[in-house]
Amino acid sequence: MQVRYEMLRRVRTEGQPIAEVAARFGVSRPTFYKAQADFDREGLAGLLPDKRGPRGAHKITAEVLDFIEQTRDAEGGLGTNELLERIAAKFGLTVHRRTVERALQRQPKKKRQ
C-alpha cells in the first residue's frame, strides 16, 4: 500500500510523468491507472490488496439450494450422499459433499414453533 501511495504521490505532487514513474516502480501503466482510480474512489483503503480467490459458491445457485432445502424438509433423514445423488440427477451437477454442507451452514436456521 505504501509503495502504491508513493507512486501516486510522485505523479501528483512532483509532476513526474506516469510512464516514467510506473517503470521506476516496476508496474505497467494500466496498473498505475487502476491504483489511481482505486485511490480516488476509496482513499488509502483502495490501495489495499483485494482478497483473492472465489467470492462465493458458484455451483450451488439459489435454485439448487432451494431444491436441497425442499428435499431435506420433505424427507427428514436424508443424508448428504443421497442429496448429492439427487442434485446430480436433477441438475447434472457434480458437487462435493463439503460444498453442500457449507451451503447449508450459511443458511439461517429456521425458527422452531
PDB file of N, CA and C in Angstrom:
ATOM      1  N   MET A   1       0.823  -1.174   0.000  1.00  0.00           N
ATOM      2  CA  MET A   1       0.000   0.000   0.000  1.00  0.00           C
ATOM      3  C   MET A   1       0.880   1.255   0.000  1.00  0.00           C
ATOM      4  N   GLN A   2       1.912   1.270   0.817  1.00  0.00           N
ATOM      5  CA  GLN A   2       2.768   2.439   0.921  1.00  0.00           C
ATOM      6  C   GLN A   2       3.502   2.706  -0.395  1.00  0.00           C
ATOM      7  N   VAL A   3       3.915   1.639  -1.058  1.00  0.00           N
ATOM      8  CA  VAL A   3       4.625   1.782  -2.330  1.00  0.00           C
ATOM      9  C   VAL A   3       3.689   2.380  -3.377  1.00  0.00           C
ATOM     10  N   ARG A   4       2.455   1.899  -3.433  1.00  0.00           N
ATOM     11  CA  ARG A   4       1.487   2.437  -4.398  1.00  0.00           C
ATOM     12  C   ARG A   4       1.187   3.913  -4.112  1.00  0.00           C
ATOM     13  N   TYR A   5       1.067   4.242  -2.831  1.00  0.00           N
ATOM     14  CA  TYR A   5       0.800   5.637  -2.484  1.00  0.00           C
ATOM     15  C   TYR A   5       1.968   6.533  -2.901  1.00  0.00           C
ATOM     16  N   GLU A   6       3.175   6.060  -2.663  1.00  0.00           N
ATOM     17  CA  GLU A   6       4.360   6.838  -3.052  1.00  0.00           C
ATOM     18  C   GLU A   6       4.408   7.029  -4.561  1.00  0.00           C
ATOM     19  N   MET A   7       4.019   6.002  -5.296  1.00  0.00           N
ATOM     20  CA  MET A   7       3.969   6.093  -6.753  1.00  0.00           C
ATOM     21  C   MET A   7       2.972   7.182  -7.184  1.00  0.00           C
ATOM     22  N   LEU A   8       1.800   7.171  -6.592  1.00  0.00           N
ATOM     23  CA  LEU A   8       0.795   8.184  -6.920  1.00  0.00           C
ATOM     24  C   LEU A   8       1.242   9.588  -6.519  1.00  0.00           C
ATOM     25  N   ARG A   9       1.896   9.687  -5.368  1.00  0.00           N
ATOM     26  CA  ARG A   9       2.355  10.979  -4.873  1.00  0.00           C
ATOM     27  C   ARG A   9       3.363  11.613  -5.821  1.00  0.00           C
ATOM     28  N   ARG A  10       4.256  10.790  -6.355  1.00  0.00           N
ATOM     29  CA  ARG A  10       5.277  11.330  -7.253  1.00  0.00           C
ATOM     30  C   ARG A  10       4.661  11.941  -8.507  1.00  0.00           C
ATOM     31  N   VAL A  11       3.580  11.347  -8.976  1.00  0.00           N
ATOM     32  CA  VAL A  11       2.923  11.892 -10.163  1.00  0.00           C
ATOM     33  C   VAL A  11       2.133  13.139  -9.803  1.00  0.00           C
ATOM     34  N   ARG A  12       1.397  13.096  -8.710  1.00  0.00           N
ATOM     35  CA  ARG A  12       0.503  14.198  -8.349  1.00  0.00           C
ATOM     36  C   ARG A  12       1.236  15.423  -7.817  1.00  0.00           C
ATOM     37  N   THR A  13       2.151  15.218  -6.899  1.00  0.00           N
ATOM     38  CA  THR A  13       2.778  16.391  -6.268  1.00  0.00           C
ATOM     39  C   THR A  13       4.071  16.810  -6.954  1.00  0.00           C
ATOM     40  N   GLU A  14       4.838  15.847  -7.427  1.00  0.00           N
ATOM     41  CA  GLU A  14       6.112  16.182  -8.052  1.00  0.00           C
ATOM     42  C   GLU A  14       5.989  16.371  -9.557  1.00  0.00           C
ATOM     43  N   GLY A  15       4.846  15.971 -10.129  1.00  0.00           N
ATOM     44  CA  GLY A  15       4.603  16.173 -11.549  1.00  0.00           C
ATOM     45  C   GLY A  15       5.427  15.296 -12.473  1.00  0.00           C
ATOM     46  N   GLN A  16       5.916  14.171 -11.976  1.00  0.00           N
ATOM     47  CA  GLN A  16       6.699  13.273 -12.821  1.00  0.00           C
ATOM     48  C   GLN A  16       5.779  12.561 -13.810  1.00  0.00           C
ATOM     49  N   PRO A  17       6.273  12.205 -14.976  1.00  0.00           N
ATOM     50  CA  PRO A  17       5.443  11.514 -15.976  1.00  0.00           C
ATOM     51  C   PRO A  17       5.025  10.120 -15.505  1.00  0.00           C
ATOM     52  N   ILE A  18       3.796   9.762 -15.837  1.00  0.00           N
ATOM     53  CA  ILE A  18       3.236   8.477 -15.408  1.00  0.00           C
ATOM     54  C   ILE A  18       4.070   7.310 -15.918  1.00  0.00           C
ATOM     55  N   ALA A  19       4.433   7.333 -17.191  1.00  0.00           N
ATOM     56  CA  ALA A  19       5.200   6.221 -17.765  1.00  0.00           C
ATOM     57  C   ALA A  19       6.530   6.033 -17.040  1.00  0.00           C
ATOM     58  N   GLU A  20       7.169   7.129 -16.706  1.00  0.00           N
ATOM     59  CA  GLU A  20       8.462   7.075 -16.017  1.00  0.00           C
ATOM     60  C   GLU A  20       8.307   6.516 -14.604  1.00  0.00           C
ATOM     61  N   VAL A  21       7.314   6.998 -13.887  1.00  0.00           N
ATOM     62  CA  VAL A  21       7.084   6.541 -12.515  1.00  0.00           C
ATOM     63  C   VAL A  21       6.678   5.068 -12.502  1.00  0.00           C
ATOM     64  N   ALA A  22       5.794   4.693 -13.413  1.00  0.00           N
ATOM     65  CA  ALA A  22       5.355   3.291 -13.479  1.00  0.00           C
ATOM     66  C   ALA A  22       6.544   2.382 -13.747  1.00  0.00           C
ATOM     67  N   ALA A  23       7.416   2.766 -14.664  1.00  0.00           N
ATOM     68  CA  ALA A  23       8.602   1.958 -14.973  1.00  0.00           C
ATOM     69  C   ALA A  23       9.530   1.875 -13.759  1.00  0.00           C
ATOM     70  N   ARG A  24       9.713   2.981 -13.064  1.00  0.00           N
ATOM     71  CA  ARG A  24      10.590   3.007 -11.897  1.00  0.00           C
ATOM     72  C   ARG A  24      10.063   2.099 -10.780  1.00  0.00           C
ATOM     73  N   PHE A  25       8.741   2.028 -10.646  1.00  0.00           N
ATOM     74  CA  PHE A  25       8.150   1.193  -9.598  1.00  0.00           C
ATOM     75  C   PHE A  25       7.873  -0.233 -10.073  1.00  0.00           C
ATOM     76  N   GLY A  26       8.182  -0.503 -11.323  1.00  0.00           N
ATOM     77  CA  GLY A  26       8.052  -1.872 -11.832  1.00  0.00           C
ATOM     78  C   GLY A  26       6.621  -2.307 -12.092  1.00  0.00           C
ATOM     79  N   VAL A  27       5.746  -1.359 -12.444  1.00  0.00           N
ATOM     80  CA  VAL A  27       4.363  -1.712 -12.767  1.00  0.00           C
ATOM     81  C   VAL A  27       4.032  -1.171 -14.161  1.00  0.00           C
ATOM     82  N   SER A  28       2.993  -1.701 -14.743  1.00  0.00           N
ATOM     83  CA  SER A  28       2.557  -1.221 -16.053  1.00  0.00           C
ATOM     84  C   SER A  28       1.737   0.056 -15.877  1.00  0.00           C
ATOM     85  N   ARG A  29       1.548   0.783 -16.962  1.00  0.00           N
ATOM     86  CA  ARG A  29       0.717   1.983 -16.898  1.00  0.00           C
ATOM     87  C   ARG A  29      -0.730   1.656 -16.532  1.00  0.00           C
ATOM     88  N   PRO A  30      -1.312   0.573 -17.101  1.00  0.00           N
ATOM     89  CA  PRO A  30      -2.676   0.233 -16.655  1.00  0.00           C
ATOM     90  C   PRO A  30      -2.762  -0.044 -15.151  1.00  0.00           C
ATOM     91  N   THR A  31      -1.709  -0.648 -14.585  1.00  0.00           N
ATOM     92  CA  THR A  31      -1.698  -0.896 -13.143  1.00  0.00           C
ATOM     93  C   THR A  31      -1.659   0.427 -12.388  1.00  0.00           C
ATOM     94  N   PHE A  32      -0.886   1.370 -12.891  1.00  0.00           N
ATOM     95  CA  PHE A  32      -0.852   2.699 -12.268  1.00  0.00           C
ATOM     96  C   PHE A  32      -2.238   3.334 -12.298  1.00  0.00           C
ATOM     97  N   TYR A  33      -2.868   3.300 -13.470  1.00  0.00           N
ATOM     98  CA  TYR A  33      -4.191   3.929 -13.600  1.00  0.00           C
ATOM     99  C   TYR A  33      -5.231   3.254 -12.712  1.00  0.00           C
ATOM    100  N   LYS A  34      -5.116   1.955 -12.548  1.00  0.00           N
ATOM    101  CA  LYS A  34      -6.038   1.248 -11.651  1.00  0.00           C
ATOM    102  C   LYS A  34      -5.822   1.707 -10.211  1.00  0.00           C
ATOM    103  N   ALA A  35      -4.556   1.796  -9.795  1.00  0.00           N
ATOM    104  CA  ALA A  35      -4.253   2.264  -8.444  1.00  0.00           C
ATOM    105  C   ALA A  35      -4.768   3.689  -8.250  1.00  0.00           C
ATOM    106  N   GLN A  36      -4.612   4.521  -9.253  1.00  0.00           N
ATOM    107  CA  GLN A  36      -5.083   5.892  -9.176  1.00  0.00           C
ATOM    108  C   GLN A  36      -6.608   5.948  -9.028  1.00  0.00           C
ATOM    109  N   ALA A  37      -7.303   5.155  -9.807  1.00  0.00           N
ATOM    110  CA  ALA A  37      -8.767   5.122  -9.731  1.00  0.00           C
ATOM    111  C   ALA A  37      -9.234   4.579  -8.384  1.00  0.00           C
ATOM    112  N   ASP A  38      -8.569   3.529  -7.903  1.00  0.00           N
ATOM    113  CA  ASP A  38      -8.924   2.957  -6.601  1.00  0.00           C
ATOM    114  C   ASP A  38      -8.707   3.980  -5.488  1.00  0.00           C
ATOM    115  N   PHE A  39      -7.609   4.709  -5.573  1.00  0.00           N
ATOM    116  CA  PHE A  39      -7.315   5.732  -4.564  1.00  0.00           C
ATOM    117  C   PHE A  39      -8.329   6.870  -4.624  1.00  0.00           C
ATOM    118  N   ASP A  40      -8.673   7.301  -5.822  1.00  0.00           N
ATOM    119  CA  ASP A  40      -9.655   8.374  -5.969  1.00  0.00           C
ATOM    120  C   ASP A  40     -11.025   7.956  -5.441  1.00  0.00           C
ATOM    121  N   ARG A  41     -11.363   6.688  -5.628  1.00  0.00           N
ATOM    122  CA  ARG A  41     -12.672   6.195  -5.228  1.00  0.00           C
ATOM    123  C   ARG A  41     -12.745   5.911  -3.729  1.00  0.00           C
ATOM    124  N   GLU A  42     -11.680   5.278  -3.154  1.00  0.00           N
ATOM    125  CA  GLU A  42     -11.764   4.791  -1.777  1.00  0.00           C
ATOM    126  C   GLU A  42     -10.710   5.360  -0.835  1.00  0.00           C
ATOM    127  N   GLY A  43      -9.828   6.195  -1.335  1.00  0.00           N
ATOM    128  CA  GLY A  43      -8.756   6.708  -0.489  1.00  0.00           C
ATOM    129  C   GLY A  43      -7.696   5.636  -0.268  1.00  0.00           C
ATOM    130  N   LEU A  44      -7.008   5.712   0.876  1.00  0.00           N
ATOM    131  CA  LEU A  44      -5.937   4.750   1.156  1.00  0.00           C
ATOM    132  C   LEU A  44      -6.440   3.307   1.184  1.00  0.00           C
ATOM    133  N   ALA A  45      -7.666   3.105   1.627  1.00  0.00           N
ATOM    134  CA  ALA A  45      -8.221   1.745   1.684  1.00  0.00           C
ATOM    135  C   ALA A  45      -8.293   1.123   0.290  1.00  0.00           C
ATOM    136  N   GLY A  46      -8.419   1.941  -0.741  1.00  0.00           N
ATOM    137  CA  GLY A  46      -8.466   1.427  -2.103  1.00  0.00           C
ATOM    138  C   GLY A  46      -7.148   0.851  -2.571  1.00  0.00           C
ATOM    139  N   LEU A  47      -6.056   1.200  -1.892  1.00  0.00           N
ATOM    140  CA  LEU A  47      -4.741   0.685  -2.271  1.00  0.00           C
ATOM    141  C   LEU A  47      -4.426  -0.650  -1.620  1.00  0.00           C
ATOM    142  N   LEU A  48      -5.250  -1.070  -0.657  1.00  0.00           N
ATOM    143  CA  LEU A  48      -5.042  -2.383  -0.036  1.00  0.00           C
ATOM    144  C   LEU A  48      -5.320  -3.474  -1.052  1.00  0.00           C
ATOM    145  N   PRO A  49      -4.562  -4.575  -0.987  1.00  0.00           N
ATOM    146  CA  PRO A  49      -4.809  -5.660  -1.945  1.00  0.00           C
ATOM    147  C   PRO A  49      -6.176  -6.300  -1.713  1.00  0.00           C
ATOM    148  N   ASP A  50      -6.810  -6.703  -2.801  1.00  0.00           N
ATOM    149  CA  ASP A  50      -8.110  -7.367  -2.716  1.00  0.00           C
ATOM    150  C   ASP A  50      -7.931  -8.805  -2.272  1.00  0.00           C
ATOM    151  N   LYS A  51      -8.975  -9.336  -1.649  1.00  0.00           N
ATOM    152  CA  LYS A  51      -8.976 -10.738  -1.274  1.00  0.00           C
ATOM    153  C   LYS A  51      -8.966 -11.577  -2.544  1.00  0.00           C
ATOM    154  N   ARG A  52      -8.127 -12.578  -2.579  1.00  0.00           N
ATOM    155  CA  ARG A  52      -8.009 -13.416  -3.757  1.00  0.00           C
ATOM    156  C   ARG A  52      -8.951 -14.611  -3.661  1.00  0.00           C
ATOM    157  N   GLY A  53      -9.177 -15.245  -4.791  1.00  0.00           N
ATOM    158  CA  GLY A  53      -9.965 -16.464  -4.825  1.00  0.00           C
ATOM    159  C   GLY A  53     -11.434 -16.220  -5.087  1.00  0.00           C
ATOM    160  N   PRO A  54     -12.202 -17.301  -5.092  1.00  0.00           N
ATOM    161  CA  PRO A  54     -13.636 -17.191  -5.365  1.00  0.00           C
ATOM    162  C   PRO A  54     -14.338 -16.332  -4.319  1.00  0.00           C
ATOM    163  N   ARG A  55     -15.357 -15.621  -4.766  1.00  0.00           N
ATOM    164  CA  ARG A  55     -16.092 -14.734  -3.862  1.00  0.00           C
ATOM    165  C   ARG A  55     -17.279 -15.423  -3.196  1.00  0.00           C
ATOM    166  N   GLY A  56     -17.581 -16.605  -3.620  1.00  0.00           N
ATOM    167  CA  GLY A  56     -18.700 -17.320  -3.025  1.00  0.00           C
ATOM    168  C   GLY A  56     -18.964 -18.609  -3.778  1.00  0.00           C
ATOM    169  N   ALA A  57     -19.986 -19.295  -3.357  1.00  0.00           N
ATOM    170  CA  ALA A  57     -20.337 -20.558  -4.002  1.00  0.00           C
ATOM    171  C   ALA A  57     -20.785 -20.290  -5.431  1.00  0.00           C
ATOM    172  N   HIS A  58     -20.252 -21.031  -6.377  1.00  0.00           N
ATOM    173  CA  HIS A  58     -20.645 -20.815  -7.766  1.00  0.00           C
ATOM    174  C   HIS A  58     -21.414 -21.994  -8.350  1.00  0.00           C
ATOM    175  N   LYS A  59     -21.356 -23.145  -7.709  1.00  0.00           N
ATOM    176  CA  LYS A  59     -22.139 -24.279  -8.197  1.00  0.00           C
ATOM    177  C   LYS A  59     -23.504 -24.339  -7.524  1.00  0.00           C
ATOM    178  N   ILE A  60     -23.535 -23.969  -6.260  1.00  0.00           N
ATOM    179  CA  ILE A  60     -24.788 -24.031  -5.514  1.00  0.00           C
ATOM    180  C   ILE A  60     -25.533 -22.714  -5.733  1.00  0.00           C
ATOM    181  N   THR A  61     -26.342 -22.680  -6.767  1.00  0.00           N
ATOM    182  CA  THR A  61     -27.131 -21.491  -7.057  1.00  0.00           C
ATOM    183  C   THR A  61     -28.352 -21.469  -6.134  1.00  0.00           C
ATOM    184  N   ALA A  62     -29.103 -20.403  -6.192  1.00  0.00           N
ATOM    185  CA  ALA A  62     -30.307 -20.287  -5.360  1.00  0.00           C
ATOM    186  C   ALA A  62     -31.292 -21.409  -5.690  1.00  0.00           C
ATOM    187  N   GLU A  63     -31.378 -21.764  -6.975  1.00  0.00           N
ATOM    188  CA  GLU A  63     -32.280 -22.838  -7.395  1.00  0.00           C
ATOM    189  C   GLU A  63     -31.857 -24.179  -6.794  1.00  0.00           C
ATOM    190  N   VAL A  64     -30.569 -24.467  -6.818  1.00  0.00           N
ATOM    191  CA  VAL A  64     -30.060 -25.725  -6.255  1.00  0.00           C
ATOM    192  C   VAL A  64     -30.261 -25.735  -4.745  1.00  0.00           C
ATOM    193  N   LEU A  65     -30.000 -24.603  -4.092  1.00  0.00           N
ATOM    194  CA  LEU A  65     -30.163 -24.522  -2.643  1.00  0.00           C
ATOM    195  C   LEU A  65     -31.626 -24.711  -2.246  1.00  0.00           C
ATOM    196  N   ASP A  66     -32.551 -24.129  -3.005  1.00  0.00           N
ATOM    197  CA  ASP A  66     -33.980 -24.340  -2.734  1.00  0.00           C
ATOM    198  C   ASP A  66     -34.337 -25.812  -2.863  1.00  0.00           C
ATOM    199  N   PHE A  67     -33.795 -26.462  -3.904  1.00  0.00           N
ATOM    200  CA  PHE A  67     -34.050 -27.882  -4.100  1.00  0.00           C
ATOM    201  C   PHE A  67     -33.530 -28.694  -2.917  1.00  0.00           C
ATOM    202  N   ILE A  68     -32.337 -28.374  -2.440  1.00  0.00           N
ATOM    203  CA  ILE A  68     -31.748 -29.087  -1.297  1.00  0.00           C
ATOM    204  C   ILE A  68     -32.630 -28.931  -0.071  1.00  0.00           C
ATOM    205  N   GLU A  69     -33.056 -27.696   0.215  1.00  0.00           N
ATOM    206  CA  GLU A  69     -33.873 -27.464   1.401  1.00  0.00           C
ATOM    207  C   GLU A  69     -35.234 -28.149   1.300  1.00  0.00           C
ATOM    208  N   GLN A  70     -35.857 -28.081   0.126  1.00  0.00           N
ATOM    209  CA  GLN A  70     -37.150 -28.738  -0.057  1.00  0.00           C
ATOM    210  C   GLN A  70     -37.015 -30.250   0.077  1.00  0.00           C
ATOM    211  N   THR A  71     -35.962 -30.801  -0.480  1.00  0.00           N
ATOM    212  CA  THR A  71     -35.749 -32.241  -0.406  1.00  0.00           C
ATOM    213  C   THR A  71     -35.489 -32.674   1.030  1.00  0.00           C
ATOM    214  N   ARG A  72     -34.701 -31.906   1.755  1.00  0.00           N
ATOM    215  CA  ARG A  72     -34.415 -32.259   3.154  1.00  0.00           C
ATOM    216  C   ARG A  72     -35.660 -32.124   4.019  1.00  0.00           C
ATOM    217  N   ASP A  73     -36.485 -31.089   3.735  1.00  0.00           N
ATOM    218  CA  ASP A  73     -37.705 -30.909   4.514  1.00  0.00           C
ATOM    219  C   ASP A  73     -38.699 -32.032   4.233  1.00  0.00           C
ATOM    220  N   ALA A  74     -38.800 -32.448   2.975  1.00  0.00           N
ATOM    221  CA  ALA A  74     -39.753 -33.490   2.597  1.00  0.00           C
ATOM    222  C   ALA A  74     -39.323 -34.855   3.135  1.00  0.00           C
ATOM    223  N   GLU A  75     -38.022 -35.101   3.121  1.00  0.00           N
ATOM    224  CA  GLU A  75     -37.506 -36.397   3.581  1.00  0.00           C
ATOM    225  C   GLU A  75     -36.489 -36.138   4.677  1.00  0.00           C
ATOM    226  N   GLY A  76     -36.957 -36.016   5.893  1.00  0.00           N
ATOM    227  CA  GLY A  76     -36.169 -35.602   7.039  1.00  0.00           C
ATOM    228  C   GLY A  76     -34.824 -36.267   7.249  1.00  0.00           C
ATOM    229  N   GLY A  77     -34.716 -37.572   7.107  1.00  0.00           N
ATOM    230  CA  GLY A  77     -33.486 -38.281   7.425  1.00  0.00           C
ATOM    231  C   GLY A  77     -32.530 -38.435   6.263  1.00  0.00           C
ATOM    232  N   LEU A  78     -32.671 -37.600   5.255  1.00  0.00           N
ATOM    233  CA  LEU A  78     -31.855 -37.712   4.051  1.00  0.00           C
ATOM    234  C   LEU A  78     -30.428 -37.241   4.337  1.00  0.00           C
ATOM    235  N   GLY A  79     -29.452 -38.093   4.022  1.00  0.00           N
ATOM    236  CA  GLY A  79     -28.053 -37.751   4.258  1.00  0.00           C
ATOM    237  C   GLY A  79     -27.447 -36.984   3.085  1.00  0.00           C
ATOM    238  N   THR A  80     -26.227 -36.544   3.289  1.00  0.00           N
ATOM    239  CA  THR A  80     -25.548 -35.735   2.274  1.00  0.00           C
ATOM    240  C   THR A  80     -25.307 -36.520   0.996  1.00  0.00           C
ATOM    241  N   ASN A  81     -24.938 -37.781   1.109  1.00  0.00           N
ATOM    242  CA  ASN A  81     -24.674 -38.586  -0.091  1.00  0.00           C
ATOM    243  C   ASN A  81     -25.932 -38.744  -0.948  1.00  0.00           C
ATOM    244  N   GLU A  82     -27.066 -38.930  -0.304  1.00  0.00           N
ATOM    245  CA  GLU A  82     -28.321 -39.027  -1.058  1.00  0.00           C
ATOM    246  C   GLU A  82     -28.646 -37.693  -1.731  1.00  0.00           C
ATOM    247  N   LEU A  83     -28.395 -36.601  -1.027  1.00  0.00           N
ATOM    248  CA  LEU A  83     -28.605 -35.278  -1.624  1.00  0.00           C
ATOM    249  C   LEU A  83     -27.730 -35.082  -2.860  1.00  0.00           C
ATOM    250  N   LEU A  84     -26.475 -35.523  -2.765  1.00  0.00           N
ATOM    251  CA  LEU A  84     -25.553 -35.394  -3.899  1.00  0.00           C
ATOM    252  C   LEU A  84     -26.075 -36.153  -5.116  1.00  0.00           C
ATOM    253  N   GLU A  85     -26.606 -37.339  -4.880  1.00  0.00           N
ATOM    254  CA  GLU A  85     -27.154 -38.140  -5.982  1.00  0.00           C
ATOM    255  C   GLU A  85     -28.358 -37.442  -6.609  1.00  0.00           C
ATOM    256  N   ARG A  86     -29.211 -36.868  -5.785  1.00  0.00           N
ATOM    257  CA  ARG A  86     -30.406 -36.191  -6.310  1.00  0.00           C
ATOM    258  C   ARG A  86     -30.042 -34.900  -7.054  1.00  0.00           C
ATOM    259  N   ILE A  87     -29.035 -34.195  -6.562  1.00  0.00           N
ATOM    260  CA  ILE A  87     -28.573 -32.982  -7.260  1.00  0.00           C
ATOM    261  C   ILE A  87     -28.016 -33.355  -8.628  1.00  0.00           C
ATOM    262  N   ALA A  88     -27.236 -34.428  -8.670  1.00  0.00           N
ATOM    263  CA  ALA A  88     -26.657 -34.872  -9.941  1.00  0.00           C
ATOM    264  C   ALA A  88     -27.752 -35.297 -10.914  1.00  0.00           C
ATOM    265  N   ALA A  89     -28.768 -35.973 -10.393  1.00  0.00           N
ATOM    266  CA  ALA A  89     -29.846 -36.439 -11.269  1.00  0.00           C
ATOM    267  C   ALA A  89     -30.688 -35.274 -11.798  1.00  0.00           C
ATOM    268  N   LYS A  90     -30.990 -34.319 -10.941  1.00  0.00           N
ATOM    269  CA  LYS A  90     -31.873 -33.223 -11.352  1.00  0.00           C
ATOM    270  C   LYS A  90     -31.159 -32.135 -12.164  1.00  0.00           C
ATOM    271  N   PHE A  91     -29.953 -31.737 -11.723  1.00  0.00           N
ATOM    272  CA  PHE A  91     -29.270 -30.599 -12.335  1.00  0.00           C
ATOM    273  C   PHE A  91     -28.055 -30.983 -13.180  1.00  0.00           C
ATOM    274  N   GLY A  92     -27.628 -32.239 -13.092  1.00  0.00           N
ATOM    275  CA  GLY A  92     -26.434 -32.658 -13.830  1.00  0.00           C
ATOM    276  C   GLY A  92     -25.149 -32.090 -13.243  1.00  0.00           C
ATOM    277  N   LEU A  93     -25.168 -31.735 -11.968  1.00  0.00           N
ATOM    278  CA  LEU A  93     -24.005 -31.155 -11.290  1.00  0.00           C
ATOM    279  C   LEU A  93     -23.280 -32.201 -10.465  1.00  0.00           C
ATOM    280  N   THR A  94     -21.967 -32.156 -10.525  1.00  0.00           N
ATOM    281  CA  THR A  94     -21.158 -32.961  -9.626  1.00  0.00           C
ATOM    282  C   THR A  94     -20.637 -32.010  -8.558  1.00  0.00           C
ATOM    283  N   VAL A  95     -21.148 -32.160  -7.347  1.00  0.00           N
ATOM    284  CA  VAL A  95     -20.827 -31.255  -6.253  1.00  0.00           C
ATOM    285  C   VAL A  95     -20.193 -32.061  -5.141  1.00  0.00           C
ATOM    286  N   HIS A  96     -19.180 -31.491  -4.509  1.00  0.00           N
ATOM    287  CA  HIS A  96     -18.529 -32.167  -3.390  1.00  0.00           C
ATOM    288  C   HIS A  96     -19.436 -32.117  -2.162  1.00  0.00           C
ATOM    289  N   ARG A  97     -19.321 -33.133  -1.352  1.00  0.00           N
ATOM    290  CA  ARG A  97     -20.116 -33.243  -0.130  1.00  0.00           C
ATOM    291  C   ARG A  97     -19.952 -32.007   0.750  1.00  0.00           C
ATOM    292  N   ARG A  98     -18.732 -31.535   0.879  1.00  0.00           N
ATOM    293  CA  ARG A  98     -18.444 -30.404   1.744  1.00  0.00           C
ATOM    294  C   ARG A  98     -19.066 -29.103   1.207  1.00  0.00           C
ATOM    295  N   THR A  99     -19.214 -28.991  -0.107  1.00  0.00           N
ATOM    296  CA  THR A  99     -19.847 -27.822  -0.707  1.00  0.00           C
ATOM    297  C   THR A  99     -21.296 -27.710  -0.261  1.00  0.00           C
ATOM    298  N   VAL A 100     -21.984 -28.834  -0.259  1.00  0.00           N
ATOM    299  CA  VAL A 100     -23.383 -28.855   0.183  1.00  0.00           C
ATOM    300  C   VAL A 100     -23.468 -28.522   1.674  1.00  0.00           C
ATOM    301  N   GLU A 101     -22.574 -29.100   2.465  1.00  0.00           N
ATOM    302  CA  GLU A 101     -22.593 -28.838   3.906  1.00  0.00           C
ATOM    303  C   GLU A 101     -22.352 -27.357   4.205  1.00  0.00           C
ATOM    304  N   ARG A 102     -21.407 -26.743   3.496  1.00  0.00           N
ATOM    305  CA  ARG A 102     -21.138 -25.313   3.705  1.00  0.00           C
ATOM    306  C   ARG A 102     -22.322 -24.451   3.291  1.00  0.00           C
ATOM    307  N   ALA A 103     -22.953 -24.804   2.184  1.00  0.00           N
ATOM    308  CA  ALA A 103     -24.112 -24.044   1.716  1.00  0.00           C
ATOM    309  C   ALA A 103     -25.232 -24.097   2.750  1.00  0.00           C
ATOM    310  N   LEU A 104     -25.424 -25.252   3.348  1.00  0.00           N
ATOM    311  CA  LEU A 104     -26.466 -25.380   4.370  1.00  0.00           C
ATOM    312  C   LEU A 104     -26.103 -24.621   5.642  1.00  0.00           C
ATOM    313  N   GLN A 105     -24.817 -24.564   5.963  1.00  0.00           N
ATOM    314  CA  GLN A 105     -24.399 -23.819   7.154  1.00  0.00           C
ATOM    315  C   GLN A 105     -24.593 -22.317   6.983  1.00  0.00           C
ATOM    316  N   ARG A 106     -24.470 -21.833   5.752  1.00  0.00           N
ATOM    317  CA  ARG A 106     -24.635 -20.410   5.507  1.00  0.00           C
ATOM    318  C   ARG A 106     -26.082 -19.964   5.638  1.00  0.00           C
ATOM    319  N   GLN A 107     -27.008 -20.868   5.476  1.00  0.00           N
ATOM    320  CA  GLN A 107     -28.432 -20.549   5.551  1.00  0.00           C
ATOM    321  C   GLN A 107     -28.820 -20.291   7.008  1.00  0.00           C
ATOM    322  N   PRO A 108     -29.658 -19.283   7.254  1.00  0.00           N
ATOM    323  CA  PRO A 108     -30.123 -19.046   8.624  1.00  0.00           C
ATOM    324  C   PRO A 108     -31.016 -20.217   9.077  1.00  0.00           C
ATOM    325  N   LYS A 109     -30.895 -20.550  10.354  1.00  0.00           N
ATOM    326  CA  LYS A 109     -31.688 -21.654  10.880  1.00  0.00           C
ATOM    327  C   LYS A 109     -33.150 -21.235  10.976  1.00  0.00           C
ATOM    328  N   LYS A 110     -34.019 -22.166  10.680  1.00  0.00           N
ATOM    329  CA  LYS A 110     -35.459 -21.876  10.735  1.00  0.00           C
ATOM    330  C   LYS A 110     -35.909 -21.834  12.186  1.00  0.00           C
ATOM    331  N   LYS A 111     -36.838 -20.930  12.474  1.00  0.00           N
ATOM    332  CA  LYS A 111     -37.350 -20.817  13.835  1.00  0.00           C
ATOM    333  C   LYS A 111     -38.245 -22.024  14.130  1.00  0.00           C
ATOM    334  N   ARG A 112     -38.074 -22.552  15.301  1.00  0.00           N
ATOM    335  CA  ARG A 112     -38.897 -23.698  15.705  1.00  0.00           C
ATOM    336  C   ARG A 112     -40.162 -23.198  16.354  1.00  0.00           C
ATOM    337  N   GLN A 113     -41.250 -23.854  16.025  1.00  0.00           N
ATOM    338  CA  GLN A 113     -42.540 -23.428  16.571  1.00  0.00           C
ATOM    339  C   GLN A 113     -42.944 -24.302  17.741  1.00  0.00           C
TER     340      GLN A 113
END
